[in-house]
Amino acid sequence: MPGYTTRNQVVPIGGHDYRLRVLSDKQQYSDPDGHGERLGISSAQWSLFGQVWPAGRLLAQAMHRFDVAGKRVLELGCGIGLASLVLQGRGANVVASDMHPLAEAFLAYNAALNALPALHYRQLRWDVPLPTLGHFDLIIASDVLYELDHALLLASVVERHAQPTAEIVLTDPGRGHSTRFTRMLATQGFALVEERCPMDDNDLPPYRGRLLHYSRVAPAAVA
């Protein structure tokens, strides 16, 4: 036994049912070798990667229709990786990343569960540079601004890994730290278009969810 329990969940995205193995509930915890603790993952945070959150569904829905042709895509804090699975199903060039020690195994299992090729995965800590990760045309994430320092950490990842011409797409349930993140991206030349979105079937206007789409156009070459 792995020390935690799981269940199967079906999530419809764009008319297709994605079958996912997720943790049974938010009380699951198993860190026998202390790997998660050394990465800074507390017992209260440990199970968060293994759930499908409303912002994650919102991001997956956005990626179902987003123009990804010819773009190299990075998902940050992928967790179960639903958005990356949707992109993989579309044939996109996507790299999923997370720092949780079990994210890679769950992602591989769920890709196989949906008859998809294995995804390219990298374990990534936002506070530790990883030059071999390279640069991306599109960086995506869902509900990653839930602590004050996350805005700075995420903006630093964007600075290291976004192409000169790039897009950033975040889904956010209305947390206050997104304003700070937006200001930081503005200093990198990104402009924001924000769309209010329902987070779930019971969400009524004014919606709590937001799809934050940042774009940066490379400066014109000097003649």
Protein backbone atom coordinates (compact mmCIF):
# COMPACT_ATOMS: atom_id res chain seq x y z
CA MET A 1 0.00 0.00 0.00
CA PRO A 2 1.36 3.46 -0.86
CA GLY A 3 0.14 5.04 2.42
CA TYR A 4 -2.66 7.02 0.80
CA THR A 5 -5.91 6.14 -0.97
CA THR A 6 -7.23 7.25 -4.34
CA ARG A 7 -10.48 7.39 -6.27
CA ASN A 8 -11.44 7.78 -9.91
CA GLN A 9 -13.04 10.98 -11.18
CA VAL A 10 -14.47 11.88 -14.58
CA VAL A 11 -14.15 15.51 -15.69
CA PRO A 12 -15.85 16.61 -18.93
CA ILE A 13 -13.88 19.15 -20.96
CA GLY A 14 -14.98 20.26 -24.41
CA GLY A 15 -17.34 17.33 -24.90
CA HIS A 16 -14.70 14.77 -23.89
CA ASP A 17 -14.65 12.89 -20.57
CA TYR A 18 -11.22 12.80 -18.94
CA ARG A 19 -10.74 9.94 -16.50
CA LEU A 20 -8.48 10.83 -13.59
CA ARG A 21 -7.00 9.12 -10.59
CA VAL A 22 -7.05 11.60 -7.71
CA LEU A 23 -6.54 11.42 -3.96
CA SER A 24 -9.60 10.18 -2.08
CA ASP A 25 -9.91 13.39 -0.05
CA LYS A 26 -7.96 16.32 1.35
CA GLN A 27 -6.96 14.35 4.46
CA GLN A 28 -4.51 12.07 2.63
CA TYR A 29 -0.87 12.27 3.66
CA SER A 30 2.13 10.03 3.13
CA ASP A 31 5.70 11.25 3.37
CA PRO A 32 7.62 8.33 4.89
CA ASP A 33 11.06 9.47 3.72
CA GLY A 34 10.49 13.17 4.45
CA HIS A 35 10.94 14.13 0.79
CA GLY A 36 7.91 16.40 0.76
CA GLU A 37 8.89 18.02 4.05
CA ARG A 38 12.37 18.79 2.70
CA LEU A 39 10.72 20.51 -0.26
CA GLY A 40 8.69 22.66 2.12
CA ILE A 41 5.40 20.78 1.67
CA SER A 42 3.57 20.62 5.00
CA SER A 43 1.12 17.89 5.98
CA ALA A 44 -1.73 20.37 5.43
CA GLN A 45 -0.52 21.14 1.88
CA TRP A 46 0.50 17.62 0.89
CA SER A 47 -2.85 16.49 -0.57
CA LEU A 48 -3.58 19.67 -2.53
CA PHE A 49 -1.80 18.47 -5.67
CA GLY A 50 -4.07 15.43 -5.88
CA GLN A 51 -7.42 17.17 -6.32
CA VAL A 52 -9.18 18.71 -9.32
CA TRP A 53 -9.93 22.28 -8.25
CA PRO A 54 -12.42 24.63 -9.95
CA ALA A 55 -9.58 26.84 -11.21
CA GLY A 56 -7.93 23.75 -12.69
CA ARG A 57 -11.09 22.87 -14.60
CA LEU A 58 -11.33 26.47 -15.79
CA LEU A 59 -7.75 26.35 -17.08
CA ALA A 60 -8.38 23.04 -18.83
CA GLN A 61 -11.47 24.50 -20.51
CA ALA A 62 -9.41 27.50 -21.65
CA MET A 63 -6.69 25.22 -23.05
CA HIS A 64 -9.29 23.23 -24.96
CA ARG A 65 -9.94 26.27 -27.14
CA PHE A 66 -6.67 28.25 -26.86
CA ASP A 67 -4.49 28.74 -29.94
CA VAL A 68 -1.42 26.60 -29.23
CA ALA A 69 -0.26 25.93 -32.78
CA GLY A 70 3.52 26.11 -32.96
CA LYS A 71 3.83 27.13 -29.31
CA ARG A 72 5.93 25.52 -26.61
CA VAL A 73 3.79 25.41 -23.45
CA LEU A 74 4.75 25.14 -19.77
CA GLU A 75 2.25 24.38 -17.01
CA LEU A 76 3.38 25.52 -13.57
CA GLY A 77 2.10 23.78 -10.44
CA CYS A 78 0.32 21.23 -12.60
CA GLY A 79 -0.87 18.95 -9.75
CA ILE A 80 -3.05 16.33 -11.38
CA GLY A 81 -2.28 18.06 -14.69
CA LEU A 82 -5.72 18.22 -16.28
CA ALA A 83 -4.82 21.22 -18.46
CA SER A 84 -1.64 19.50 -19.64
CA LEU A 85 -3.61 16.36 -20.47
CA VAL A 86 -6.03 18.43 -22.54
CA LEU A 87 -3.11 20.02 -24.38
CA GLN A 88 -1.47 16.65 -24.91
CA GLY A 89 -4.72 15.39 -26.41
CA ARG A 90 -4.59 18.30 -28.86
CA GLY A 91 -1.05 17.41 -29.87
CA ALA A 92 0.50 20.49 -28.23
CA ASN A 93 4.17 20.73 -27.27
CA VAL A 94 3.61 20.86 -23.52
CA VAL A 95 5.82 20.43 -20.45
CA ALA A 96 4.07 19.89 -17.12
CA SER A 97 5.86 20.87 -13.91
CA ASP A 98 5.32 20.73 -10.17
CA MET A 99 7.45 20.27 -7.07
CA HIS A 100 5.31 17.61 -5.38
CA PRO A 101 7.14 14.26 -5.29
CA LEU A 102 4.06 12.34 -6.53
CA ALA A 103 2.92 14.66 -9.31
CA GLU A 104 4.93 12.91 -12.02
CA ALA A 105 3.57 9.45 -11.16
CA PHE A 106 -0.04 10.65 -11.08
CA LEU A 107 0.41 12.51 -14.36
CA ALA A 108 1.87 9.45 -16.08
CA TYR A 109 -0.94 7.24 -14.76
CA ASN A 110 -3.63 9.67 -15.90
CA ALA A 111 -2.11 10.05 -19.35
CA ALA A 112 -2.24 6.26 -19.74
CA LEU A 113 -5.77 6.19 -18.32
CA ASN A 114 -6.85 8.48 -21.17
CA ALA A 115 -4.85 6.64 -23.85
CA LEU A 116 -2.51 9.62 -24.25
CA PRO A 117 1.25 9.54 -24.81
CA ALA A 118 3.37 10.17 -21.73
CA LEU A 119 3.78 13.85 -20.98
CA HIS A 120 7.09 15.62 -20.67
CA TYR A 121 7.41 16.44 -16.96
CA ARG A 122 9.98 18.39 -14.96
CA GLN A 123 10.10 18.77 -11.20
CA LEU A 124 10.38 22.52 -10.66
CA ARG A 125 10.78 24.64 -7.56
CA TRP A 126 9.99 28.25 -8.34
CA ASP A 127 12.79 29.48 -6.07
CA VAL A 128 15.47 27.31 -7.71
CA PRO A 129 16.56 28.22 -11.27
CA LEU A 130 16.47 25.36 -13.77
CA PRO A 131 18.26 26.61 -16.91
CA THR A 132 17.81 23.32 -18.77
CA LEU A 133 14.04 23.86 -18.78
CA GLY A 134 14.43 26.38 -21.58
CA HIS A 135 11.99 29.01 -22.83
CA PHE A 136 8.30 28.93 -23.67
CA ASP A 137 5.79 30.76 -25.84
CA LEU A 138 2.95 30.10 -23.40
CA ILE A 139 3.09 29.60 -19.61
CA ILE A 140 -0.08 28.50 -17.83
CA ALA A 141 -1.13 27.88 -14.22
CA SER A 142 -4.25 27.64 -12.05
CA ASP A 143 -4.79 29.09 -8.55
CA VAL A 144 -1.08 29.57 -7.84
CA LEU A 145 -1.24 32.98 -6.12
CA TYR A 146 -2.62 31.85 -2.76
CA GLU A 147 0.34 33.11 -0.69
CA LEU A 148 1.89 36.58 -0.65
CA ASP A 149 5.34 35.50 -1.87
CA HIS A 150 3.94 33.48 -4.77
CA ALA A 151 3.54 36.60 -6.92
CA LEU A 152 7.27 37.33 -6.79
CA LEU A 153 8.25 33.68 -7.22
CA LEU A 154 5.95 33.21 -10.21
CA ALA A 155 7.06 36.47 -11.83
CA SER A 156 10.66 35.30 -11.46
CA VAL A 157 9.84 32.02 -13.22
CA VAL A 158 8.22 33.97 -16.04
CA GLU A 159 11.28 36.21 -16.32
CA ARG A 160 13.57 33.18 -16.60
CA HIS A 161 11.48 31.07 -18.98
CA ALA A 162 9.21 33.26 -21.15
CA GLN A 163 10.19 33.95 -24.73
CA PRO A 164 10.55 37.62 -25.78
CA THR A 165 7.14 37.22 -27.42
CA ALA A 166 5.07 35.24 -24.94
CA GLU A 167 1.69 34.72 -23.30
CA ILE A 168 0.85 33.87 -19.70
CA VAL A 169 -2.57 32.41 -18.81
CA LEU A 170 -3.63 32.07 -15.18
CA THR A 171 -6.98 31.10 -13.73
CA ASP A 172 -7.62 32.60 -10.32
CA PRO A 173 -10.54 32.33 -7.86
CA GLY A 174 -10.28 35.99 -6.90
CA ARG A 175 -7.31 35.98 -4.55
CA GLY A 176 -5.84 39.39 -3.78
CA HIS A 177 -2.25 38.60 -4.76
CA SER A 178 -2.98 38.68 -8.49
CA THR A 179 -2.78 42.50 -8.48
CA ARG A 180 0.80 42.33 -7.24
CA PHE A 181 1.64 39.72 -9.87
CA THR A 182 0.11 41.88 -12.60
CA ARG A 183 2.28 44.84 -11.56
CA MET A 184 5.39 42.66 -11.67
CA LEU A 185 4.58 41.35 -15.12
CA ALA A 186 3.95 44.89 -16.34
CA THR A 187 7.60 45.68 -15.57
CA GLN A 188 8.49 42.79 -17.90
CA GLY A 189 6.38 44.27 -20.70
CA PHE A 190 3.22 42.18 -20.29
CA ALA A 191 -0.27 43.64 -20.77
CA LEU A 192 -3.33 42.03 -19.16
CA VAL A 193 -6.75 41.12 -20.53
CA GLU A 194 -9.01 39.83 -17.75
CA GLU A 195 -12.16 37.73 -18.20
CA ARG A 196 -14.61 37.01 -15.38
CA CYS A 197 -15.63 33.35 -15.35
CA PRO A 198 -17.89 31.07 -13.28
CA MET A 199 -15.87 28.80 -11.01
CA ASP A 200 -18.55 26.12 -10.81
CA ASP A 201 -22.18 25.40 -11.72
CA ASN A 202 -23.45 27.32 -8.68
CA ASP A 203 -21.41 30.45 -9.34
CA LEU A 204 -23.59 33.43 -10.28
CA PRO A 205 -22.65 36.89 -11.58
CA PRO A 206 -20.55 38.70 -10.61
CA TYR A 207 -18.39 35.62 -11.05
CA ARG A 208 -15.59 34.81 -8.62
CA GLY A 209 -13.30 33.25 -11.18
CA ARG A 210 -10.94 35.14 -13.43
CA LEU A 211 -8.98 34.15 -16.49
CA LEU A 212 -5.89 36.37 -16.60
CA HIS A 213 -4.32 36.52 -20.06
CA TYR A 214 -1.01 38.40 -20.26
CA SER A 215 0.71 39.10 -23.57
CA ARG A 216 4.12 40.50 -24.43
CA VAL A 217 5.11 41.54 -27.91
CA ALA A 218 8.81 41.60 -28.72
CA PRO A 219 10.13 45.08 -29.51
CA ALA A 220 10.56 45.85 -33.19
CA ALA A 221 14.07 45.42 -34.50
CA VAL A 222 16.02 48.65 -34.92
CA ALA A 223 16.95 49.28 -38.56
